[in-house]
Amino acid sequence: GVLLYAMLCGMFPFTGKTTEELYGRIRSGNINVPDHMSCNAHALLLKLFHVDMEKRIVVKAVLVDPWMHEHQNGPICPGTPKANNSTTLSTATTTGGQTHGGSTLSSQGTVNFDDKYITKLERLGYPREEILRHIRDETSQVYSAY
């Protein structure tokens, strides 16, 4: 639950000034879900953070949850052919051909982002220019999550 929340929201679900305060918030199970979150994502997060372990969703149920399939355009499995569409951004650092998720950092200092991920974000209502601005900004939560 914490990992999914961090990936979707770009921050941890619980914070506290002291360890005691942090544990108290964790035990409460209360999380703040951003407004941009889909209803299915919101519902899944609530199931994952249920304080009663007997009522908390299990991994098998997560895999068939509606949120896991709401934006799926085809099979997700190794060897599935990908479209060759990409967006290139310049970057100041060079690490020589490293691959990170849907992006590749070349030895020339450019990052190629797979357009299918950017297109999915556009379908969720995010403007392309804003997506690209966040991807370029190393201090952005979106950049960190990507």
N, C-alpha and C. Protein backbone atom coordinates (compact mmCIF):
# COMPACT_ATOMS: atom_id res chain seq x y z
N GLY A 1 0.80 -1.19 0.00
CA GLY A 1 0.00 0.00 0.00
C GLY A 1 0.85 1.26 0.00
N VAL A 2 1.88 1.26 0.83
CA VAL A 2 2.75 2.44 0.92
C VAL A 2 3.47 2.67 -0.40
N LEU A 3 3.95 1.60 -1.02
CA LEU A 3 4.67 1.75 -2.29
C LEU A 3 3.75 2.26 -3.39
N LEU A 4 2.55 1.70 -3.50
CA LEU A 4 1.60 2.16 -4.52
C LEU A 4 1.24 3.62 -4.27
N TYR A 5 0.97 3.97 -3.02
CA TYR A 5 0.64 5.36 -2.69
C TYR A 5 1.78 6.29 -3.11
N ALA A 6 3.02 5.91 -2.78
CA ALA A 6 4.17 6.74 -3.13
C ALA A 6 4.31 6.89 -4.64
N MET A 7 4.06 5.81 -5.38
CA MET A 7 4.17 5.88 -6.84
C MET A 7 3.08 6.77 -7.44
N LEU A 8 1.87 6.67 -6.92
CA LEU A 8 0.76 7.45 -7.46
C LEU A 8 0.76 8.91 -7.01
N CYS A 9 1.22 9.16 -5.80
CA CYS A 9 1.11 10.51 -5.22
C CYS A 9 2.44 11.25 -5.15
N GLY A 10 3.54 10.53 -5.28
CA GLY A 10 4.85 11.18 -5.23
C GLY A 10 5.29 11.55 -3.83
N MET A 11 4.67 10.97 -2.82
CA MET A 11 5.04 11.21 -1.43
C MET A 11 4.56 10.03 -0.60
N PHE A 12 5.02 9.95 0.65
CA PHE A 12 4.59 8.87 1.52
C PHE A 12 3.23 9.20 2.14
N PRO A 13 2.44 8.17 2.46
CA PRO A 13 1.10 8.41 2.99
C PRO A 13 1.10 8.92 4.43
N PHE A 14 2.16 8.63 5.18
CA PHE A 14 2.19 9.02 6.59
C PHE A 14 3.47 9.78 6.89
N THR A 15 3.34 10.83 7.68
CA THR A 15 4.50 11.57 8.15
C THR A 15 4.28 11.90 9.62
N GLY A 16 5.36 12.20 10.31
CA GLY A 16 5.27 12.59 11.70
C GLY A 16 6.56 13.24 12.13
N LYS A 17 6.46 14.14 13.08
CA LYS A 17 7.66 14.82 13.58
C LYS A 17 8.48 13.91 14.49
N THR A 18 7.81 12.94 15.09
CA THR A 18 8.50 11.96 15.94
C THR A 18 8.09 10.57 15.50
N THR A 19 8.85 9.58 15.92
CA THR A 19 8.52 8.20 15.59
C THR A 19 7.16 7.83 16.17
N GLU A 20 6.91 8.29 17.37
CA GLU A 20 5.63 8.01 18.03
C GLU A 20 4.45 8.59 17.24
N GLU A 21 4.61 9.82 16.77
CA GLU A 21 3.56 10.46 15.96
C GLU A 21 3.35 9.72 14.64
N LEU A 22 4.46 9.33 14.02
CA LEU A 22 4.39 8.58 12.77
C LEU A 22 3.64 7.26 12.96
N TYR A 23 4.00 6.49 13.98
CA TYR A 23 3.33 5.22 14.24
C TYR A 23 1.85 5.40 14.55
N GLY A 24 1.52 6.47 15.24
CA GLY A 24 0.11 6.76 15.53
C GLY A 24 -0.69 6.98 14.26
N ARG A 25 -0.10 7.70 13.32
CA ARG A 25 -0.78 7.94 12.04
C ARG A 25 -0.91 6.66 11.22
N ILE A 26 0.13 5.83 11.27
CA ILE A 26 0.08 4.56 10.56
C ILE A 26 -1.03 3.69 11.13
N ARG A 27 -1.10 3.60 12.47
CA ARG A 27 -2.14 2.78 13.13
C ARG A 27 -3.54 3.28 12.82
N SER A 28 -3.70 4.58 12.60
CA SER A 28 -5.03 5.13 12.30
C SER A 28 -5.52 4.70 10.93
N GLY A 29 -4.58 4.49 10.00
CA GLY A 29 -4.95 4.08 8.65
C GLY A 29 -5.55 5.19 7.81
N ASN A 30 -5.60 6.41 8.35
CA ASN A 30 -6.18 7.53 7.60
C ASN A 30 -5.16 8.07 6.60
N ILE A 31 -5.56 8.11 5.35
CA ILE A 31 -4.70 8.64 4.30
C ILE A 31 -5.43 9.75 3.55
N ASN A 32 -4.67 10.68 3.03
CA ASN A 32 -5.22 11.73 2.18
C ASN A 32 -4.99 11.33 0.73
N VAL A 33 -6.07 11.21 -0.02
CA VAL A 33 -5.96 10.83 -1.42
C VAL A 33 -6.18 12.09 -2.26
N PRO A 34 -5.20 12.44 -3.13
CA PRO A 34 -5.33 13.64 -3.96
C PRO A 34 -6.58 13.60 -4.85
N ASP A 35 -7.09 14.78 -5.17
CA ASP A 35 -8.30 14.90 -6.00
C ASP A 35 -8.12 14.32 -7.40
N HIS A 36 -6.90 14.33 -7.92
CA HIS A 36 -6.68 13.85 -9.29
C HIS A 36 -6.74 12.33 -9.40
N MET A 37 -6.81 11.64 -8.27
CA MET A 37 -6.82 10.18 -8.25
C MET A 37 -8.16 9.65 -8.79
N SER A 38 -8.08 8.61 -9.61
CA SER A 38 -9.32 8.01 -10.13
C SER A 38 -10.07 7.34 -8.97
N CYS A 39 -11.37 7.13 -9.17
CA CYS A 39 -12.20 6.47 -8.15
C CYS A 39 -11.68 5.07 -7.85
N ASN A 40 -11.26 4.35 -8.89
CA ASN A 40 -10.75 2.98 -8.70
C ASN A 40 -9.44 2.98 -7.92
N ALA A 41 -8.55 3.94 -8.21
CA ALA A 41 -7.28 4.03 -7.47
C ALA A 41 -7.56 4.37 -6.01
N HIS A 42 -8.46 5.32 -5.78
CA HIS A 42 -8.84 5.72 -4.43
C HIS A 42 -9.38 4.51 -3.65
N ALA A 43 -10.28 3.77 -4.28
CA ALA A 43 -10.88 2.61 -3.63
C ALA A 43 -9.82 1.55 -3.31
N LEU A 44 -8.90 1.30 -4.23
CA LEU A 44 -7.85 0.31 -3.99
C LEU A 44 -6.95 0.74 -2.83
N LEU A 45 -6.58 2.01 -2.79
CA LEU A 45 -5.74 2.50 -1.69
C LEU A 45 -6.44 2.32 -0.34
N LEU A 46 -7.73 2.59 -0.29
CA LEU A 46 -8.47 2.40 0.96
C LEU A 46 -8.48 0.93 1.38
N LYS A 47 -8.60 0.04 0.39
CA LYS A 47 -8.57 -1.40 0.70
C LYS A 47 -7.19 -1.82 1.21
N LEU A 48 -6.13 -1.23 0.64
CA LEU A 48 -4.77 -1.57 1.04
C LEU A 48 -4.42 -1.04 2.43
N PHE A 49 -5.03 0.08 2.83
CA PHE A 49 -4.71 0.70 4.11
C PHE A 49 -5.74 0.39 5.20
N HIS A 50 -6.59 -0.61 4.96
CA HIS A 50 -7.58 -0.98 5.98
C HIS A 50 -6.84 -1.43 7.24
N VAL A 51 -7.20 -0.86 8.40
CA VAL A 51 -6.47 -1.16 9.64
C VAL A 51 -6.73 -2.58 10.15
N ASP A 52 -7.84 -3.18 9.82
CA ASP A 52 -8.15 -4.55 10.23
C ASP A 52 -7.52 -5.51 9.21
N MET A 53 -6.49 -6.22 9.64
CA MET A 53 -5.77 -7.11 8.71
C MET A 53 -6.67 -8.17 8.08
N GLU A 54 -7.71 -8.58 8.79
CA GLU A 54 -8.64 -9.57 8.25
C GLU A 54 -9.45 -9.01 7.09
N LYS A 55 -9.65 -7.70 7.07
CA LYS A 55 -10.44 -7.05 6.01
C LYS A 55 -9.57 -6.41 4.94
N ARG A 56 -8.26 -6.35 5.17
CA ARG A 56 -7.34 -5.73 4.21
C ARG A 56 -7.24 -6.61 2.97
N ILE A 57 -7.18 -5.99 1.81
CA ILE A 57 -7.10 -6.71 0.54
C ILE A 57 -5.78 -7.49 0.45
N VAL A 58 -5.84 -8.68 -0.15
CA VAL A 58 -4.65 -9.52 -0.33
C VAL A 58 -4.13 -9.35 -1.76
N VAL A 59 -2.89 -9.78 -2.00
CA VAL A 59 -2.24 -9.57 -3.30
C VAL A 59 -3.06 -10.15 -4.45
N LYS A 60 -3.61 -11.35 -4.28
CA LYS A 60 -4.40 -11.95 -5.37
C LYS A 60 -5.58 -11.06 -5.75
N ALA A 61 -6.20 -10.44 -4.76
CA ALA A 61 -7.34 -9.56 -5.02
C ALA A 61 -6.87 -8.25 -5.66
N VAL A 62 -5.68 -7.78 -5.30
CA VAL A 62 -5.14 -6.56 -5.91
C VAL A 62 -4.94 -6.78 -7.41
N LEU A 63 -4.45 -7.94 -7.77
CA LEU A 63 -4.16 -8.23 -9.19
C LEU A 63 -5.40 -8.24 -10.07
N VAL A 64 -6.57 -8.48 -9.49
CA VAL A 64 -7.80 -8.47 -10.28
C VAL A 64 -8.66 -7.25 -9.98
N ASP A 65 -8.14 -6.33 -9.18
CA ASP A 65 -8.88 -5.11 -8.84
C ASP A 65 -9.13 -4.28 -10.11
N PRO A 66 -10.28 -3.63 -10.22
CA PRO A 66 -10.59 -2.81 -11.41
C PRO A 66 -9.51 -1.78 -11.74
N TRP A 67 -8.86 -1.20 -10.72
CA TRP A 67 -7.83 -0.19 -11.00
C TRP A 67 -6.68 -0.77 -11.80
N MET A 68 -6.34 -2.03 -11.55
CA MET A 68 -5.21 -2.66 -12.25
C MET A 68 -5.47 -2.78 -13.75
N HIS A 69 -6.72 -2.66 -14.17
CA HIS A 69 -7.05 -2.89 -15.57
C HIS A 69 -7.73 -1.69 -16.25
N GLU A 70 -7.96 -0.60 -15.54
CA GLU A 70 -8.76 0.48 -16.11
C GLU A 70 -8.10 1.21 -17.28
N HIS A 71 -6.79 1.21 -17.36
CA HIS A 71 -6.11 1.90 -18.47
C HIS A 71 -5.25 0.95 -19.30
N GLN A 72 -5.51 -0.32 -19.17
CA GLN A 72 -4.72 -1.30 -19.89
C GLN A 72 -5.19 -1.38 -21.35
N ASN A 73 -4.26 -1.17 -22.26
CA ASN A 73 -4.60 -1.19 -23.69
C ASN A 73 -4.26 -2.52 -24.36
N GLY A 74 -3.69 -3.42 -23.64
CA GLY A 74 -3.31 -4.69 -24.23
C GLY A 74 -2.62 -5.53 -23.18
N PRO A 75 -2.10 -6.68 -23.57
CA PRO A 75 -1.48 -7.56 -22.59
C PRO A 75 -0.20 -6.96 -22.02
N ILE A 76 -0.01 -7.16 -20.71
CA ILE A 76 1.23 -6.72 -20.08
C ILE A 76 2.02 -7.98 -19.80
N CYS A 77 2.98 -8.26 -20.66
CA CYS A 77 3.81 -9.44 -20.46
C CYS A 77 5.11 -9.25 -21.21
N PRO A 78 6.17 -9.95 -20.78
CA PRO A 78 7.44 -9.83 -21.47
C PRO A 78 7.31 -10.25 -22.92
N GLY A 79 8.01 -9.56 -23.79
CA GLY A 79 8.01 -9.91 -25.18
C GLY A 79 6.90 -9.27 -26.00
N THR A 80 6.01 -8.50 -25.36
CA THR A 80 4.95 -7.83 -26.09
C THR A 80 5.59 -6.73 -26.94
N PRO A 81 5.32 -6.70 -28.25
CA PRO A 81 5.92 -5.67 -29.09
C PRO A 81 5.49 -4.28 -28.65
N LYS A 82 6.44 -3.36 -28.66
CA LYS A 82 6.17 -1.97 -28.29
C LYS A 82 6.19 -1.10 -29.53
N ALA A 83 5.42 -0.03 -29.48
CA ALA A 83 5.50 0.96 -30.54
C ALA A 83 6.84 1.66 -30.42
N ASN A 84 7.36 2.17 -31.49
CA ASN A 84 8.66 2.81 -31.47
C ASN A 84 8.55 4.32 -31.29
N ASN A 85 7.46 4.79 -30.70
CA ASN A 85 7.26 6.22 -30.49
C ASN A 85 7.97 6.66 -29.24
N SER A 86 8.68 7.78 -29.30
CA SER A 86 9.33 8.29 -28.11
C SER A 86 9.46 9.80 -28.19
N THR A 87 9.63 10.40 -27.01
CA THR A 87 9.84 11.83 -26.89
C THR A 87 11.24 12.01 -26.32
N THR A 88 12.04 12.88 -26.92
CA THR A 88 13.41 13.09 -26.49
C THR A 88 13.53 14.40 -25.74
N LEU A 89 14.21 14.36 -24.60
CA LEU A 89 14.48 15.55 -23.81
C LEU A 89 15.98 15.63 -23.57
N SER A 90 16.53 16.83 -23.55
CA SER A 90 17.94 17.00 -23.22
C SER A 90 18.10 16.97 -21.71
N THR A 91 19.24 16.47 -21.28
CA THR A 91 19.54 16.45 -19.85
C THR A 91 21.00 16.82 -19.65
N ALA A 92 21.33 17.34 -18.50
CA ALA A 92 22.69 17.79 -18.24
C ALA A 92 23.62 16.63 -17.92
N THR A 93 23.10 15.53 -17.41
CA THR A 93 23.95 14.42 -17.00
C THR A 93 23.99 13.34 -18.05
N THR A 94 25.07 12.58 -18.07
CA THR A 94 25.24 11.51 -19.02
C THR A 94 25.69 10.27 -18.29
N THR A 95 24.97 9.17 -18.46
CA THR A 95 25.41 7.93 -17.83
C THR A 95 25.53 6.80 -18.83
N GLY A 96 25.38 7.10 -20.11
CA GLY A 96 25.69 6.14 -21.15
C GLY A 96 24.74 4.98 -21.35
N GLY A 97 23.58 5.22 -21.93
CA GLY A 97 22.70 4.16 -22.37
C GLY A 97 21.94 3.42 -21.30
N GLN A 98 21.75 4.00 -20.14
CA GLN A 98 21.00 3.33 -19.09
C GLN A 98 19.51 3.37 -19.39
N THR A 99 18.81 2.30 -19.02
CA THR A 99 17.36 2.23 -19.21
C THR A 99 16.69 2.30 -17.85
N HIS A 100 15.65 3.15 -17.73
CA HIS A 100 14.89 3.31 -16.50
C HIS A 100 13.41 3.28 -16.85
N GLY A 101 12.72 2.18 -16.57
CA GLY A 101 11.29 2.09 -16.85
C GLY A 101 11.01 2.33 -18.32
N GLY A 102 10.27 3.39 -18.62
CA GLY A 102 9.91 3.71 -20.00
C GLY A 102 10.83 4.71 -20.64
N SER A 103 12.03 4.93 -20.07
CA SER A 103 12.93 5.92 -20.62
C SER A 103 14.31 5.34 -20.81
N THR A 104 15.09 5.97 -21.70
CA THR A 104 16.47 5.57 -21.93
C THR A 104 17.33 6.81 -21.90
N LEU A 105 18.42 6.75 -21.13
CA LEU A 105 19.38 7.85 -21.09
C LEU A 105 20.54 7.48 -21.98
N SER A 106 20.76 8.26 -23.04
CA SER A 106 21.81 7.93 -24.00
C SER A 106 23.13 8.57 -23.58
N SER A 107 24.21 8.12 -24.23
CA SER A 107 25.53 8.68 -23.93
C SER A 107 25.65 10.11 -24.45
N GLN A 108 24.72 10.55 -25.30
CA GLN A 108 24.73 11.93 -25.79
C GLN A 108 24.04 12.89 -24.83
N GLY A 109 23.52 12.39 -23.72
CA GLY A 109 22.89 13.26 -22.73
C GLY A 109 21.44 13.59 -23.04
N THR A 110 20.74 12.71 -23.75
CA THR A 110 19.31 12.93 -23.99
C THR A 110 18.54 11.78 -23.36
N VAL A 111 17.32 12.07 -22.96
CA VAL A 111 16.45 11.05 -22.39
C VAL A 111 15.32 10.82 -23.36
N ASN A 112 15.13 9.57 -23.76
CA ASN A 112 14.02 9.21 -24.64
C ASN A 112 12.93 8.58 -23.80
N PHE A 113 11.75 9.21 -23.79
CA PHE A 113 10.62 8.71 -23.03
C PHE A 113 9.65 8.04 -23.98
N ASP A 114 9.20 6.86 -23.62
CA ASP A 114 8.24 6.13 -24.44
C ASP A 114 6.93 6.91 -24.46
N ASP A 115 6.48 7.29 -25.64
CA ASP A 115 5.27 8.11 -25.79
C ASP A 115 4.02 7.44 -25.25
N LYS A 116 4.01 6.11 -25.16
CA LYS A 116 2.79 5.47 -24.67
C LYS A 116 2.50 5.87 -23.23
N TYR A 117 3.54 6.12 -22.43
CA TYR A 117 3.32 6.54 -21.04
C TYR A 117 2.84 7.99 -20.99
N ILE A 118 3.40 8.83 -21.82
CA ILE A 118 2.98 10.22 -21.88
C ILE A 118 1.54 10.29 -22.38
N THR A 119 1.19 9.48 -23.38
CA THR A 119 -0.17 9.44 -23.91
C THR A 119 -1.16 8.99 -22.85
N LYS A 120 -0.78 8.03 -22.02
CA LYS A 120 -1.67 7.56 -20.94
C LYS A 120 -1.94 8.70 -19.96
N LEU A 121 -0.91 9.48 -19.64
CA LEU A 121 -1.12 10.62 -18.74
C LEU A 121 -2.01 11.68 -19.39
N GLU A 122 -1.84 11.88 -20.70
CA GLU A 122 -2.70 12.83 -21.41
C GLU A 122 -4.16 12.37 -21.35
N ARG A 123 -4.41 11.06 -21.49
CA ARG A 123 -5.77 10.53 -21.41
C ARG A 123 -6.39 10.75 -20.03
N LEU A 124 -5.53 10.86 -19.02
CA LEU A 124 -6.01 11.12 -17.66
C LEU A 124 -6.28 12.61 -17.43
N GLY A 125 -5.99 13.44 -18.46
CA GLY A 125 -6.32 14.86 -18.36
C GLY A 125 -5.13 15.78 -18.15
N TYR A 126 -3.92 15.24 -18.15
CA TYR A 126 -2.75 16.10 -17.96
C TYR A 126 -2.29 16.66 -19.30
N PRO A 127 -2.05 17.97 -19.39
CA PRO A 127 -1.55 18.55 -20.64
C PRO A 127 -0.12 18.08 -20.93
N ARG A 128 0.15 17.76 -22.19
CA ARG A 128 1.47 17.26 -22.60
C ARG A 128 2.60 18.18 -22.15
N GLU A 129 2.41 19.50 -22.30
CA GLU A 129 3.46 20.46 -21.93
C GLU A 129 3.78 20.35 -20.44
N GLU A 130 2.74 20.16 -19.61
CA GLU A 130 2.94 20.05 -18.16
C GLU A 130 3.68 18.75 -17.82
N ILE A 131 3.33 17.66 -18.50
CA ILE A 131 4.00 16.38 -18.28
C ILE A 131 5.49 16.53 -18.58
N LEU A 132 5.80 17.09 -19.74
CA LEU A 132 7.20 17.25 -20.14
C LEU A 132 7.95 18.20 -19.22
N ARG A 133 7.27 19.24 -18.74
CA ARG A 133 7.90 20.18 -17.80
C ARG A 133 8.29 19.45 -16.51
N HIS A 134 7.40 18.61 -16.00
CA HIS A 134 7.68 17.86 -14.78
C HIS A 134 8.79 16.84 -14.99
N ILE A 135 8.81 16.20 -16.15
CA ILE A 135 9.84 15.20 -16.42
C ILE A 135 11.22 15.85 -16.48
N ARG A 136 11.30 17.08 -16.97
CA ARG A 136 12.58 17.81 -17.04
C ARG A 136 13.06 18.31 -15.69
N ASP A 137 12.14 18.56 -14.76
CA ASP A 137 12.44 19.18 -13.47
C ASP A 137 12.83 18.11 -12.44
N GLU A 138 14.12 18.00 -12.12
CA GLU A 138 14.60 16.97 -11.21
C GLU A 138 14.06 17.13 -9.79
N THR A 139 13.50 18.29 -9.45
CA THR A 139 12.93 18.50 -8.11
C THR A 139 11.45 18.15 -8.07
N SER A 140 10.87 17.83 -9.21
CA SER A 140 9.44 17.51 -9.30
C SER A 140 9.17 16.11 -8.73
N GLN A 141 8.02 15.96 -8.06
CA GLN A 141 7.61 14.65 -7.57
C GLN A 141 7.37 13.69 -8.74
N VAL A 142 6.91 14.22 -9.86
CA VAL A 142 6.67 13.40 -11.05
C VAL A 142 8.01 12.84 -11.55
N TYR A 143 9.04 13.68 -11.60
CA TYR A 143 10.37 13.26 -12.02
C TYR A 143 10.86 12.14 -11.12
N SER A 144 10.71 12.31 -9.81
CA SER A 144 11.17 11.31 -8.84
C SER A 144 10.42 10.00 -9.02
N ALA A 145 9.13 10.08 -9.25
CA ALA A 145 8.33 8.87 -9.42
C ALA A 145 8.68 8.14 -10.71
N TYR A 146 8.97 8.91 -11.78
CA TYR A 146 9.27 8.30 -13.06
C TYR A 146 10.59 7.56 -12.97
